[in-house]
Amino acid sequence: MRPKSPPDYLAAYPVALVAQARALIEQNRLAEHLLLKYPAAHQVRNDRALYGYVQEIKEQYLRNTGVLSHVAFDSTLHVMKNALGMHTRVARVQGVRLKVKSEIRVAEVFKEMPAGFLRM
């Protein structure tokens, strides 16, 4: 019998870390381990608060980048299959010109996660 392969989202991590995560999952202790490490959830609950949170991080690390026009939680993103979030550029017609706007969409599941998960 072949050993179980790790979940797809853990494939790029070191073997020791994957083994530790697999052991926690098999023992049904992953939730309690995460609650001990991250006991409180963040206060970013709506799109306006998320925009402010992203702007603070952007000002700290990415001062010379362009303006973000839209930051929002997106319920259509599925964390385990597609993505944690998306950074896209959307072209919109404004008169004769095309305006390009930057958008960040974060999976809605991160509304109730600890701050460490949202920050990543």
PDB file of N, CA and C in Angstrom:
ATOM      1  N   MET A   1       0.840  -1.182   0.000  1.00  0.00           N
ATOM      2  CA  MET A   1       0.000   0.000   0.000  1.00  0.00           C
ATOM      3  C   MET A   1       0.883   1.243   0.000  1.00  0.00           C
ATOM      4  N   ARG A   2       0.575   2.191  -0.841  1.00  0.00           N
ATOM      5  CA  ARG A   2       1.365   3.414  -0.943  1.00  0.00           C
ATOM      6  C   ARG A   2       0.973   4.385   0.154  1.00  0.00           C
ATOM      7  N   PRO A   3       1.963   5.171   0.662  1.00  0.00           N
ATOM      8  CA  PRO A   3       1.625   6.172   1.672  1.00  0.00           C
ATOM      9  C   PRO A   3       0.783   7.282   1.062  1.00  0.00           C
ATOM     10  N   LYS A   4      -0.024   7.903   1.899  1.00  0.00           N
ATOM     11  CA  LYS A   4      -0.868   9.010   1.440  1.00  0.00           C
ATOM     12  C   LYS A   4       0.007  10.186   1.027  1.00  0.00           C
ATOM     13  N   SER A   5      -0.321  10.803  -0.082  1.00  0.00           N
ATOM     14  CA  SER A   5       0.415  11.997  -0.481  1.00  0.00           C
ATOM     15  C   SER A   5      -0.119  13.185   0.312  1.00  0.00           C
ATOM     16  N   PRO A   6       0.737  14.188   0.546  1.00  0.00           N
ATOM     17  CA  PRO A   6       0.271  15.350   1.300  1.00  0.00           C
ATOM     18  C   PRO A   6      -0.747  16.139   0.482  1.00  0.00           C
ATOM     19  N   PRO A   7      -1.556  16.948   1.143  1.00  0.00           N
ATOM     20  CA  PRO A   7      -2.490  17.798   0.387  1.00  0.00           C
ATOM     21  C   PRO A   7      -1.727  18.684  -0.599  1.00  0.00           C
ATOM     22  N   ASP A   8      -2.342  19.035  -1.710  1.00  0.00           N
ATOM     23  CA  ASP A   8      -1.686  19.816  -2.765  1.00  0.00           C
ATOM     24  C   ASP A   8      -1.095  21.121  -2.254  1.00  0.00           C
ATOM     25  N   TYR A   9      -1.758  21.774  -1.341  1.00  0.00           N
ATOM     26  CA  TYR A   9      -1.284  23.071  -0.879  1.00  0.00           C
ATOM     27  C   TYR A   9      -0.069  22.962   0.033  1.00  0.00           C
ATOM     28  N   LEU A  10       0.351  21.756   0.409  1.00  0.00           N
ATOM     29  CA  LEU A  10       1.563  21.559   1.217  1.00  0.00           C
ATOM     30  C   LEU A  10       2.717  20.987   0.394  1.00  0.00           C
ATOM     31  N   ALA A  11       2.537  20.792  -0.889  1.00  0.00           N
ATOM     32  CA  ALA A  11       3.520  20.103  -1.719  1.00  0.00           C
ATOM     33  C   ALA A  11       4.875  20.805  -1.772  1.00  0.00           C
ATOM     34  N   ALA A  12       4.935  22.107  -1.685  1.00  0.00           N
ATOM     35  CA  ALA A  12       6.197  22.833  -1.826  1.00  0.00           C
ATOM     36  C   ALA A  12       6.965  22.981  -0.513  1.00  0.00           C
ATOM     37  N   TYR A  13       6.390  22.543   0.593  1.00  0.00           N
ATOM     38  CA  TYR A  13       7.040  22.702   1.895  1.00  0.00           C
ATOM     39  C   TYR A  13       8.008  21.557   2.169  1.00  0.00           C
ATOM     40  N   PRO A  14       8.960  21.751   3.109  1.00  0.00           N
ATOM     41  CA  PRO A  14       9.915  20.686   3.447  1.00  0.00           C
ATOM     42  C   PRO A  14       9.210  19.427   3.955  1.00  0.00           C
ATOM     43  N   VAL A  15       9.865  18.294   3.756  1.00  0.00           N
ATOM     44  CA  VAL A  15       9.280  16.994   4.095  1.00  0.00           C
ATOM     45  C   VAL A  15       8.952  16.903   5.584  1.00  0.00           C
ATOM     46  N   ALA A  16       9.824  17.427   6.442  1.00  0.00           N
ATOM     47  CA  ALA A  16       9.591  17.357   7.890  1.00  0.00           C
ATOM     48  C   ALA A  16       8.330  18.123   8.285  1.00  0.00           C
ATOM     49  N   LEU A  17       8.132  19.291   7.677  1.00  0.00           N
ATOM     50  CA  LEU A  17       6.953  20.097   7.986  1.00  0.00           C
ATOM     51  C   LEU A  17       5.678  19.418   7.485  1.00  0.00           C
ATOM     52  N   VAL A  18       5.757  18.814   6.315  1.00  0.00           N
ATOM     53  CA  VAL A  18       4.602  18.097   5.762  1.00  0.00           C
ATOM     54  C   VAL A  18       4.252  16.908   6.649  1.00  0.00           C
ATOM     55  N   ALA A  19       5.274  16.209   7.149  1.00  0.00           N
ATOM     56  CA  ALA A  19       5.029  15.064   8.038  1.00  0.00           C
ATOM     57  C   ALA A  19       4.366  15.512   9.337  1.00  0.00           C
ATOM     58  N   GLN A  20       4.812  16.651   9.863  1.00  0.00           N
ATOM     59  CA  GLN A  20       4.210  17.186  11.091  1.00  0.00           C
ATOM     60  C   GLN A  20       2.748  17.567  10.847  1.00  0.00           C
ATOM     61  N   ALA A  21       2.482  18.222   9.735  1.00  0.00           N
ATOM     62  CA  ALA A  21       1.107  18.611   9.407  1.00  0.00           C
ATOM     63  C   ALA A  21       0.234  17.378   9.190  1.00  0.00           C
ATOM     64  N   ARG A  22       0.763  16.379   8.498  1.00  0.00           N
ATOM     65  CA  ARG A  22       0.001  15.155   8.252  1.00  0.00           C
ATOM     66  C   ARG A  22      -0.341  14.456   9.566  1.00  0.00           C
ATOM     67  N   ALA A  23       0.628  14.427  10.508  1.00  0.00           N
ATOM     68  CA  ALA A  23       0.382  13.792  11.808  1.00  0.00           C
ATOM     69  C   ALA A  23      -0.722  14.520  12.566  1.00  0.00           C
ATOM     70  N   LEU A  24      -0.699  15.853  12.536  1.00  0.00           N
ATOM     71  CA  LEU A  24      -1.748  16.626  13.212  1.00  0.00           C
ATOM     72  C   LEU A  24      -3.115  16.381  12.576  1.00  0.00           C
ATOM     73  N   ILE A  25      -3.150  16.272  11.262  1.00  0.00           N
ATOM     74  CA  ILE A  25      -4.416  16.025  10.565  1.00  0.00           C
ATOM     75  C   ILE A  25      -4.954  14.644  10.912  1.00  0.00           C
ATOM     76  N   GLU A  26      -4.078  13.635  10.902  1.00  0.00           N
ATOM     77  CA  GLU A  26      -4.519  12.266  11.195  1.00  0.00           C
ATOM     78  C   GLU A  26      -4.992  12.100  12.635  1.00  0.00           C
ATOM     79  N   GLN A  27      -4.395  12.858  13.567  1.00  0.00           N
ATOM     80  CA  GLN A  27      -4.777  12.773  14.977  1.00  0.00           C
ATOM     81  C   GLN A  27      -5.945  13.698  15.314  1.00  0.00           C
ATOM     82  N   ASN A  28      -6.461  14.413  14.305  1.00  0.00           N
ATOM     83  CA  ASN A  28      -7.537  15.397  14.498  1.00  0.00           C
ATOM     84  C   ASN A  28      -7.164  16.445  15.544  1.00  0.00           C
ATOM     85  N   ARG A  29      -5.908  16.886  15.528  1.00  0.00           N
ATOM     86  CA  ARG A  29      -5.433  17.886  16.478  1.00  0.00           C
ATOM     87  C   ARG A  29      -5.029  19.184  15.795  1.00  0.00           C
ATOM     88  N   LEU A  30      -5.238  19.301  14.501  1.00  0.00           N
ATOM     89  CA  LEU A  30      -4.806  20.489  13.778  1.00  0.00           C
ATOM     90  C   LEU A  30      -5.534  21.732  14.267  1.00  0.00           C
ATOM     91  N   ALA A  31      -6.836  21.647  14.459  1.00  0.00           N
ATOM     92  CA  ALA A  31      -7.618  22.809  14.903  1.00  0.00           C
ATOM     93  C   ALA A  31      -7.159  23.297  16.269  1.00  0.00           C
ATOM     94  N   GLU A  32      -6.958  22.395  17.210  1.00  0.00           N
ATOM     95  CA  GLU A  32      -6.529  22.832  18.547  1.00  0.00           C
ATOM     96  C   GLU A  32      -5.110  23.385  18.515  1.00  0.00           C
ATOM     97  N   HIS A  33      -4.248  22.837  17.658  1.00  0.00           N
ATOM     98  CA  HIS A  33      -2.882  23.363  17.523  1.00  0.00           C
ATOM     99  C   HIS A  33      -2.913  24.798  16.992  1.00  0.00           C
ATOM    100  N   LEU A  34      -3.741  25.036  15.973  1.00  0.00           N
ATOM    101  CA  LEU A  34      -3.839  26.383  15.410  1.00  0.00           C
ATOM    102  C   LEU A  34      -4.469  27.362  16.396  1.00  0.00           C
ATOM    103  N   LEU A  35      -5.440  26.906  17.191  1.00  0.00           N
ATOM    104  CA  LEU A  35      -6.052  27.782  18.195  1.00  0.00           C
ATOM    105  C   LEU A  35      -5.067  28.160  19.298  1.00  0.00           C
ATOM    106  N   LEU A  36      -4.166  27.254  19.649  1.00  0.00           N
ATOM    107  CA  LEU A  36      -3.143  27.586  20.638  1.00  0.00           C
ATOM    108  C   LEU A  36      -2.152  28.604  20.084  1.00  0.00           C
ATOM    109  N   LYS A  37      -1.793  28.446  18.832  1.00  0.00           N
ATOM    110  CA  LYS A  37      -0.818  29.349  18.218  1.00  0.00           C
ATOM    111  C   LYS A  37      -1.429  30.705  17.868  1.00  0.00           C
ATOM    112  N   TYR A  38      -2.661  30.714  17.419  1.00  0.00           N
ATOM    113  CA  TYR A  38      -3.362  31.937  17.017  1.00  0.00           C
ATOM    114  C   TYR A  38      -4.700  32.003  17.744  1.00  0.00           C
ATOM    115  N   PRO A  39      -4.738  32.480  18.985  1.00  0.00           N
ATOM    116  CA  PRO A  39      -5.979  32.419  19.767  1.00  0.00           C
ATOM    117  C   PRO A  39      -7.067  33.414  19.352  1.00  0.00           C
ATOM    118  N   ALA A  40      -6.696  34.546  18.776  1.00  0.00           N
ATOM    119  CA  ALA A  40      -7.704  35.573  18.480  1.00  0.00           C
ATOM    120  C   ALA A  40      -7.770  35.864  16.984  1.00  0.00           C
ATOM    121  N   ALA A  41      -8.963  36.146  16.510  1.00  0.00           N
ATOM    122  CA  ALA A  41      -9.152  36.526  15.109  1.00  0.00           C
ATOM    123  C   ALA A  41      -8.882  38.019  14.950  1.00  0.00           C
ATOM    124  N   HIS A  42      -8.648  38.436  13.717  1.00  0.00           N
ATOM    125  CA  HIS A  42      -8.401  39.856  13.445  1.00  0.00           C
ATOM    126  C   HIS A  42      -9.715  40.631  13.419  1.00  0.00           C
ATOM    127  N   GLN A  43      -9.622  41.939  13.322  1.00  0.00           N
ATOM    128  CA  GLN A  43     -10.810  42.795  13.330  1.00  0.00           C
ATOM    129  C   GLN A  43     -11.216  43.270  11.934  1.00  0.00           C
ATOM    130  N   VAL A  44     -10.544  42.810  10.904  1.00  0.00           N
ATOM    131  CA  VAL A  44     -10.854  43.217   9.530  1.00  0.00           C
ATOM    132  C   VAL A  44     -12.033  42.377   9.049  1.00  0.00           C
ATOM    133  N   ARG A  45     -13.230  42.950   9.048  1.00  0.00           N
ATOM    134  CA  ARG A  45     -14.441  42.184   8.731  1.00  0.00           C
ATOM    135  C   ARG A  45     -15.160  42.637   7.461  1.00  0.00           C
ATOM    136  N   ASN A  46     -14.819  43.820   6.947  1.00  0.00           N
ATOM    137  CA  ASN A  46     -15.509  44.272   5.736  1.00  0.00           C
ATOM    138  C   ASN A  46     -14.491  44.786   4.715  1.00  0.00           C
ATOM    139  N   ASP A  47     -14.965  45.112   3.530  1.00  0.00           N
ATOM    140  CA  ASP A  47     -14.079  45.513   2.444  1.00  0.00           C
ATOM    141  C   ASP A  47     -13.359  46.825   2.737  1.00  0.00           C
ATOM    142  N   ARG A  48     -14.020  47.749   3.387  1.00  0.00           N
ATOM    143  CA  ARG A  48     -13.394  49.033   3.710  1.00  0.00           C
ATOM    144  C   ARG A  48     -12.230  48.844   4.687  1.00  0.00           C
ATOM    145  N   ALA A  49     -12.435  48.016   5.698  1.00  0.00           N
ATOM    146  CA  ALA A  49     -11.364  47.738   6.659  1.00  0.00           C
ATOM    147  C   ALA A  49     -10.221  46.977   5.983  1.00  0.00           C
ATOM    148  N   LEU A  50     -10.554  46.070   5.063  1.00  0.00           N
ATOM    149  CA  LEU A  50      -9.528  45.329   4.332  1.00  0.00           C
ATOM    150  C   LEU A  50      -8.703  46.269   3.460  1.00  0.00           C
ATOM    151  N   TYR A  51      -9.360  47.235   2.822  1.00  0.00           N
ATOM    152  CA  TYR A  51      -8.645  48.214   1.999  1.00  0.00           C
ATOM    153  C   TYR A  51      -7.650  48.996   2.856  1.00  0.00           C
ATOM    154  N   GLY A  52      -8.074  49.439   4.030  1.00  0.00           N
ATOM    155  CA  GLY A  52      -7.176  50.158   4.930  1.00  0.00           C
ATOM    156  C   GLY A  52      -6.012  49.297   5.388  1.00  0.00           C
ATOM    157  N   TYR A  53      -6.287  48.044   5.694  1.00  0.00           N
ATOM    158  CA  TYR A  53      -5.254  47.099   6.131  1.00  0.00           C
ATOM    159  C   TYR A  53      -4.216  46.892   5.027  1.00  0.00           C
ATOM    160  N   VAL A  54      -4.681  46.703   3.794  1.00  0.00           N
ATOM    161  CA  VAL A  54      -3.777  46.502   2.668  1.00  0.00           C
ATOM    162  C   VAL A  54      -2.978  47.771   2.391  1.00  0.00           C
ATOM    163  N   GLN A  55      -3.606  48.937   2.518  1.00  0.00           N
ATOM    164  CA  GLN A  55      -2.892  50.198   2.307  1.00  0.00           C
ATOM    165  C   GLN A  55      -1.763  50.367   3.323  1.00  0.00           C
ATOM    166  N   GLU A  56      -1.996  49.993   4.587  1.00  0.00           N
ATOM    167  CA  GLU A  56      -0.944  50.080   5.607  1.00  0.00           C
ATOM    168  C   GLU A  56       0.247  49.204   5.239  1.00  0.00           C
ATOM    169  N   ILE A  57      -0.021  47.990   4.813  1.00  0.00           N
ATOM    170  CA  ILE A  57       1.060  47.085   4.415  1.00  0.00           C
ATOM    171  C   ILE A  57       1.772  47.618   3.179  1.00  0.00           C
ATOM    172  N   LYS A  58       1.008  48.144   2.225  1.00  0.00           N
ATOM    173  CA  LYS A  58       1.577  48.692   0.999  1.00  0.00           C
ATOM    174  C   LYS A  58       2.484  49.879   1.297  1.00  0.00           C
ATOM    175  N   GLU A  59       2.062  50.765   2.189  1.00  0.00           N
ATOM    176  CA  GLU A  59       2.885  51.918   2.546  1.00  0.00           C
ATOM    177  C   GLU A  59       4.164  51.503   3.258  1.00  0.00           C
ATOM    178  N   GLN A  60       4.101  50.414   3.996  1.00  0.00           N
ATOM    179  CA  GLN A  60       5.269  49.951   4.736  1.00  0.00           C
ATOM    180  C   GLN A  60       6.305  49.299   3.816  1.00  0.00           C
ATOM    181  N   TYR A  61       5.870  48.491   2.864  1.00  0.00           N
ATOM    182  CA  TYR A  61       6.795  47.705   2.062  1.00  0.00           C
ATOM    183  C   TYR A  61       6.883  48.111   0.594  1.00  0.00           C
ATOM    184  N   LEU A  62       5.838  48.695   0.041  1.00  0.00           N
ATOM    185  CA  LEU A  62       5.776  48.969  -1.400  1.00  0.00           C
ATOM    186  C   LEU A  62       5.415  50.425  -1.666  1.00  0.00           C
ATOM    187  N   ARG A  63       6.231  51.329  -1.203  1.00  0.00           N
ATOM    188  CA  ARG A  63       5.881  52.755  -1.300  1.00  0.00           C
ATOM    189  C   ARG A  63       5.779  53.272  -2.728  1.00  0.00           C
ATOM    190  N   ASN A  64       6.620  52.772  -3.621  1.00  0.00           N
ATOM    191  CA  ASN A  64       6.690  53.333  -4.970  1.00  0.00           C
ATOM    192  C   ASN A  64       5.790  52.628  -5.985  1.00  0.00           C
ATOM    193  N   THR A  65       4.856  51.842  -5.531  1.00  0.00           N
ATOM    194  CA  THR A  65       3.966  51.146  -6.464  1.00  0.00           C
ATOM    195  C   THR A  65       2.732  51.991  -6.762  1.00  0.00           C
ATOM    196  N   GLY A  66       1.993  51.571  -7.755  1.00  0.00           N
ATOM    197  CA  GLY A  66       0.798  52.302  -8.149  1.00  0.00           C
ATOM    198  C   GLY A  66      -0.333  52.192  -7.136  1.00  0.00           C
ATOM    199  N   VAL A  67      -1.378  52.934  -7.401  1.00  0.00           N
ATOM    200  CA  VAL A  67      -2.532  52.992  -6.502  1.00  0.00           C
ATOM    201  C   VAL A  67      -3.407  51.750  -6.695  1.00  0.00           C
ATOM    202  N   LEU A  68      -3.897  51.210  -5.591  1.00  0.00           N
ATOM    203  CA  LEU A  68      -4.868  50.121  -5.658  1.00  0.00           C
ATOM    204  C   LEU A  68      -6.258  50.732  -5.733  1.00  0.00           C
ATOM    205  N   SER A  69      -7.031  50.336  -6.733  1.00  0.00           N
ATOM    206  CA  SER A  69      -8.354  50.931  -6.861  1.00  0.00           C
ATOM    207  C   SER A  69      -9.426  50.144  -6.123  1.00  0.00           C
ATOM    208  N   HIS A  70      -9.177  48.849  -5.882  1.00  0.00           N
ATOM    209  CA  HIS A  70     -10.229  48.038  -5.271  1.00  0.00           C
ATOM    210  C   HIS A  70      -9.601  46.890  -4.488  1.00  0.00           C
ATOM    211  N   VAL A  71     -10.011  46.732  -3.244  1.00  0.00           N
ATOM    212  CA  VAL A  71      -9.597  45.607  -2.404  1.00  0.00           C
ATOM    213  C   VAL A  71     -10.863  45.070  -1.760  1.00  0.00           C
ATOM    214  N   ALA A  72     -11.090  43.757  -1.881  1.00  0.00           N
ATOM    215  CA  ALA A  72     -12.340  43.203  -1.361  1.00  0.00           C
ATOM    216  C   ALA A  72     -12.195  41.731  -1.011  1.00  0.00           C
ATOM    217  N   PHE A  73     -13.068  41.283  -0.112  1.00  0.00           N
ATOM    218  CA  PHE A  73     -13.220  39.856   0.145  1.00  0.00           C
ATOM    219  C   PHE A  73     -14.077  39.292  -0.981  1.00  0.00           C
ATOM    220  N   ASP A  74     -13.729  38.110  -1.476  1.00  0.00           N
ATOM    221  CA  ASP A  74     -14.446  37.514  -2.598  1.00  0.00           C
ATOM    222  C   ASP A  74     -14.939  36.119  -2.214  1.00  0.00           C
ATOM    223  N   SER A  75     -16.239  35.920  -2.251  1.00  0.00           N
ATOM    224  CA  SER A  75     -16.807  34.627  -1.853  1.00  0.00           C
ATOM    225  C   SER A  75     -16.657  33.563  -2.938  1.00  0.00           C
ATOM    226  N   THR A  76     -16.280  33.951  -4.149  1.00  0.00           N
ATOM    227  CA  THR A  76     -16.153  32.969  -5.225  1.00  0.00           C
ATOM    228  C   THR A  76     -14.798  32.276  -5.246  1.00  0.00           C
ATOM    229  N   LEU A  77     -13.824  32.790  -4.516  1.00  0.00           N
ATOM    230  CA  LEU A  77     -12.512  32.141  -4.450  1.00  0.00           C
ATOM    231  C   LEU A  77     -12.588  30.972  -3.484  1.00  0.00           C
ATOM    232  N   HIS A  78     -12.152  29.823  -3.919  1.00  0.00           N
ATOM    233  CA  HIS A  78     -12.150  28.647  -3.054  1.00  0.00           C
ATOM    234  C   HIS A  78     -10.707  28.344  -2.678  1.00  0.00           C
ATOM    235  N   VAL A  79     -10.407  28.391  -1.399  1.00  0.00           N
ATOM    236  CA  VAL A  79      -9.040  28.327  -0.909  1.00  0.00           C
ATOM    237  C   VAL A  79      -8.332  27.027  -1.271  1.00  0.00           C
ATOM    238  N   MET A  80      -8.962  25.917  -1.084  1.00  0.00           N
ATOM    239  CA  MET A  80      -8.274  24.647  -1.267  1.00  0.00           C
ATOM    240  C   MET A  80      -8.060  24.276  -2.736  1.00  0.00           C
ATOM    241  N   LYS A  81      -8.839  24.822  -3.644  1.00  0.00           N
ATOM    242  CA  LYS A  81      -8.716  24.427  -5.045  1.00  0.00           C
ATOM    243  C   LYS A  81      -8.069  25.498  -5.914  1.00  0.00           C
ATOM    244  N   ASN A  82      -8.402  26.750  -5.710  1.00  0.00           N
ATOM    245  CA  ASN A  82      -7.922  27.776  -6.629  1.00  0.00           C
ATOM    246  C   ASN A  82      -6.828  28.643  -6.033  1.00  0.00           C
ATOM    247  N   ALA A  83      -7.203  29.582  -5.189  1.00  0.00           N
ATOM    248  CA  ALA A  83      -6.234  30.561  -4.718  1.00  0.00           C
ATOM    249  C   ALA A  83      -6.665  31.148  -3.388  1.00  0.00           C
ATOM    250  N   LEU A  84      -5.700  31.685  -2.685  1.00  0.00           N
ATOM    251  CA  LEU A  84      -5.977  32.404  -1.445  1.00  0.00           C
ATOM    252  C   LEU A  84      -6.463  33.812  -1.755  1.00  0.00           C
ATOM    253  N   GLY A  85      -5.993  34.334  -2.854  1.00  0.00           N
ATOM    254  CA  GLY A  85      -6.366  35.674  -3.269  1.00  0.00           C
ATOM    255  C   GLY A  85      -5.864  35.916  -4.681  1.00  0.00           C
ATOM    256  N   MET A  86      -6.289  37.016  -5.263  1.00  0.00           N
ATOM    257  CA  MET A  86      -5.871  37.340  -6.621  1.00  0.00           C
ATOM    258  C   MET A  86      -5.529  38.812  -6.714  1.00  0.00           C
ATOM    259  N   HIS A  87      -4.451  39.105  -7.438  1.00  0.00           N
ATOM    260  CA  HIS A  87      -4.092  40.480  -7.748  1.00  0.00           C
ATOM    261  C   HIS A  87      -4.230  40.619  -9.253  1.00  0.00           C
ATOM    262  N   THR A  88      -5.157  41.448  -9.692  1.00  0.00           N
ATOM    263  CA  THR A  88      -5.419  41.561 -11.122  1.00  0.00           C
ATOM    264  C   THR A  88      -5.398  43.013 -11.560  1.00  0.00           C
ATOM    265  N   ARG A  89      -5.253  43.185 -12.855  1.00  0.00           N
ATOM    266  CA  ARG A  89      -5.379  44.501 -13.479  1.00  0.00           C
ATOM    267  C   ARG A  89      -6.581  44.436 -14.409  1.00  0.00           C
ATOM    268  N   VAL A  90      -7.461  45.386 -14.265  1.00  0.00           N
ATOM    269  CA  VAL A  90      -8.688  45.403 -15.058  1.00  0.00           C
ATOM    270  C   VAL A  90      -8.676  46.648 -15.931  1.00  0.00           C
ATOM    271  N   ALA A  91      -8.855  46.462 -17.237  1.00  0.00           N
ATOM    272  CA  ALA A  91      -8.899  47.585 -18.170  1.00  0.00           C
ATOM    273  C   ALA A  91     -10.347  48.006 -18.372  1.00  0.00           C
ATOM    274  N   ARG A  92     -10.599  49.293 -18.200  1.00  0.00           N
ATOM    275  CA  ARG A  92     -11.952  49.830 -18.387  1.00  0.00           C
ATOM    276  C   ARG A  92     -11.891  51.000 -19.366  1.00  0.00           C
ATOM    277  N   VAL A  93     -12.915  51.103 -20.187  1.00  0.00           N
ATOM    278  CA  VAL A  93     -12.972  52.182 -21.164  1.00  0.00           C
ATOM    279  C   VAL A  93     -13.481  53.442 -20.485  1.00  0.00           C
ATOM    280  N   GLN A  94     -12.728  54.534 -20.656  1.00  0.00           N
ATOM    281  CA  GLN A  94     -13.147  55.841 -20.151  1.00  0.00           C
ATOM    282  C   GLN A  94     -13.031  56.824 -21.304  1.00  0.00           C
ATOM    283  N   GLY A  95     -14.136  57.013 -22.010  1.00  0.00           N
ATOM    284  CA  GLY A  95     -14.110  57.868 -23.186  1.00  0.00           C
ATOM    285  C   GLY A  95     -13.369  57.168 -24.309  1.00  0.00           C
ATOM    286  N   VAL A  96     -12.294  57.802 -24.783  1.00  0.00           N
ATOM    287  CA  VAL A  96     -11.495  57.234 -25.862  1.00  0.00           C
ATOM    288  C   VAL A  96     -10.368  56.357 -25.310  1.00  0.00           C
ATOM    289  N   ARG A  97     -10.024  56.559 -24.056  1.00  0.00           N
ATOM    290  CA  ARG A  97      -8.885  55.867 -23.452  1.00  0.00           C
ATOM    291  C   ARG A  97      -9.284  54.610 -22.687  1.00  0.00           C
ATOM    292  N   LEU A  98      -8.275  53.783 -22.459  1.00  0.00           N
ATOM    293  CA  LEU A  98      -8.421  52.640 -21.565  1.00  0.00           C
ATOM    294  C   LEU A  98      -7.740  52.985 -20.251  1.00  0.00           C
ATOM    295  N   LYS A  99      -8.435  52.813 -19.162  1.00  0.00           N
ATOM    296  CA  LYS A  99      -7.858  53.013 -17.828  1.00  0.00           C
ATOM    297  C   LYS A  99      -7.611  51.643 -17.228  1.00  0.00           C
ATOM    298  N   VAL A 100      -6.421  51.437 -16.691  1.00  0.00           N
ATOM    299  CA  VAL A 100      -6.082  50.171 -16.054  1.00  0.00           C
ATOM    300  C   VAL A 100      -6.117  50.370 -14.550  1.00  0.00           C
ATOM    301  N   LYS A 101      -6.879  49.534 -13.880  1.00  0.00           N
ATOM    302  CA  LYS A 101      -7.012  49.625 -12.428  1.00  0.00           C
ATOM    303  C   LYS A 101      -6.535  48.329 -11.799  1.00  0.00           C
ATOM    304  N   SER A 102      -5.858  48.456 -10.651  1.00  0.00           N
ATOM    305  CA  SER A 102      -5.371  47.284  -9.919  1.00  0.00           C
ATOM    306  C   SER A 102      -6.381  46.875  -8.868  1.00  0.00           C
ATOM    307  N   GLU A 103      -6.613  45.578  -8.778  1.00  0.00           N
ATOM    308  CA  GLU A 103      -7.557  45.050  -7.791  1.00  0.00           C
ATOM    309  C   GLU A 103      -6.914  43.903  -7.026  1.00  0.00           C
ATOM    310  N   ILE A 104      -7.256  43.789  -5.753  1.00  0.00           N
ATOM    311  CA  ILE A 104      -6.859  42.645  -4.944  1.00  0.00           C
ATOM    312  C   ILE A 104      -8.131  42.036  -4.391  1.00  0.00           C
ATOM    313  N   ARG A 105      -8.267  40.734  -4.584  1.00  0.00           N
ATOM    314  CA  ARG A 105      -9.413  40.000  -4.040  1.00  0.00           C
ATOM    315  C   ARG A 105      -8.879  38.911  -3.127  1.00  0.00           C
ATOM    316  N   VAL A 106      -9.428  38.847  -1.905  1.00  0.00           N
ATOM    317  CA  VAL A 106      -8.998  37.891  -0.889  1.00  0.00           C
ATOM    318  C   VAL A 106     -10.152  36.935  -0.632  1.00  0.00           C
ATOM    319  N   ALA A 107      -9.850  35.658  -0.491  1.00  0.00           N
ATOM    320  CA  ALA A 107     -10.892  34.664  -0.230  1.00  0.00           C
ATOM    321  C   ALA A 107     -11.643  35.017   1.052  1.00  0.00           C
ATOM    322  N   GLU A 108     -12.955  34.897   1.009  1.00  0.00           N
ATOM    323  CA  GLU A 108     -13.810  35.307   2.120  1.00  0.00           C
ATOM    324  C   GLU A 108     -13.578  34.492   3.392  1.00  0.00           C
ATOM    325  N   VAL A 109     -13.006  33.310   3.256  1.00  0.00           N
ATOM    326  CA  VAL A 109     -12.743  32.480   4.429  1.00  0.00           C
ATOM    327  C   VAL A 109     -11.769  33.182   5.388  1.00  0.00           C
ATOM    328  N   PHE A 110     -10.985  34.127   4.898  1.00  0.00           N
ATOM    329  CA  PHE A 110     -10.024  34.840   5.741  1.00  0.00           C
ATOM    330  C   PHE A 110     -10.669  35.902   6.623  1.00  0.00           C
ATOM    331  N   LYS A 111     -11.968  36.119   6.496  1.00  0.00           N
ATOM    332  CA  LYS A 111     -12.649  37.058   7.391  1.00  0.00           C
ATOM    333  C   LYS A 111     -12.598  36.590   8.836  1.00  0.00           C
ATOM    334  N   GLU A 112     -12.641  35.295   9.046  1.00  0.00           N
ATOM    335  CA  GLU A 112     -12.685  34.759  10.402  1.00  0.00           C
ATOM    336  C   GLU A 112     -11.399  34.084  10.834  1.00  0.00           C
ATOM    337  N   MET A 113     -10.339  34.297  10.107  1.00  0.00           N
ATOM    338  CA  MET A 113      -9.049  33.697  10.445  1.00  0.00           C
ATOM    339  C   MET A 113      -8.248  34.638  11.348  1.00  0.00           C
ATOM    340  N   PRO A 114      -7.216  34.121  12.005  1.00  0.00           N
ATOM    341  CA  PRO A 114      -6.318  34.980  12.782  1.00  0.00           C
ATOM    342  C   PRO A 114      -5.538  35.934  11.875  1.00  0.00           C
ATOM    343  N   ALA A 115      -4.990  36.981  12.472  1.00  0.00           N
ATOM    344  CA  ALA A 115      -4.285  38.012  11.707  1.00  0.00           C
ATOM    345  C   ALA A 115      -3.099  37.452  10.929  1.00  0.00           C
ATOM    346  N   GLY A 116      -2.423  36.459  11.471  1.00  0.00           N
ATOM    347  CA  GLY A 116      -1.284  35.866  10.778  1.00  0.00           C
ATOM    348  C   GLY A 116      -1.660  35.260   9.437  1.00  0.00           C
ATOM    349  N   PHE A 117      -2.829  34.670   9.353  1.00  0.00           N
ATOM    350  CA  PHE A 117      -3.294  34.075   8.097  1.00  0.00           C
ATOM    351  C   PHE A 117      -3.646  35.165   7.088  1.00  0.00           C
ATOM    352  N   LEU A 118      -4.267  36.242   7.528  1.00  0.00           N
ATOM    353  CA  LEU A 118      -4.623  37.330   6.624  1.00  0.00           C
ATOM    354  C   LEU A 118      -3.368  38.031   6.123  1.00  0.00           C
ATOM    355  N   ARG A 119      -2.387  38.181   6.978  1.00  0.00           N
ATOM    356  CA  ARG A 119      -1.168  38.892   6.603  1.00  0.00           C
ATOM    357  C   ARG A 119      -0.371  38.152   5.534  1.00  0.00           C
ATOM    358  N   MET A 120      -0.446  36.835   5.528  1.00  0.00           N
ATOM    359  CA  MET A 120       0.334  36.111   4.531  1.00  0.00           C
ATOM    360  C   MET A 120      -0.240  36.347   3.155  1.00  0.00           C
TER     361      MET A 120
END
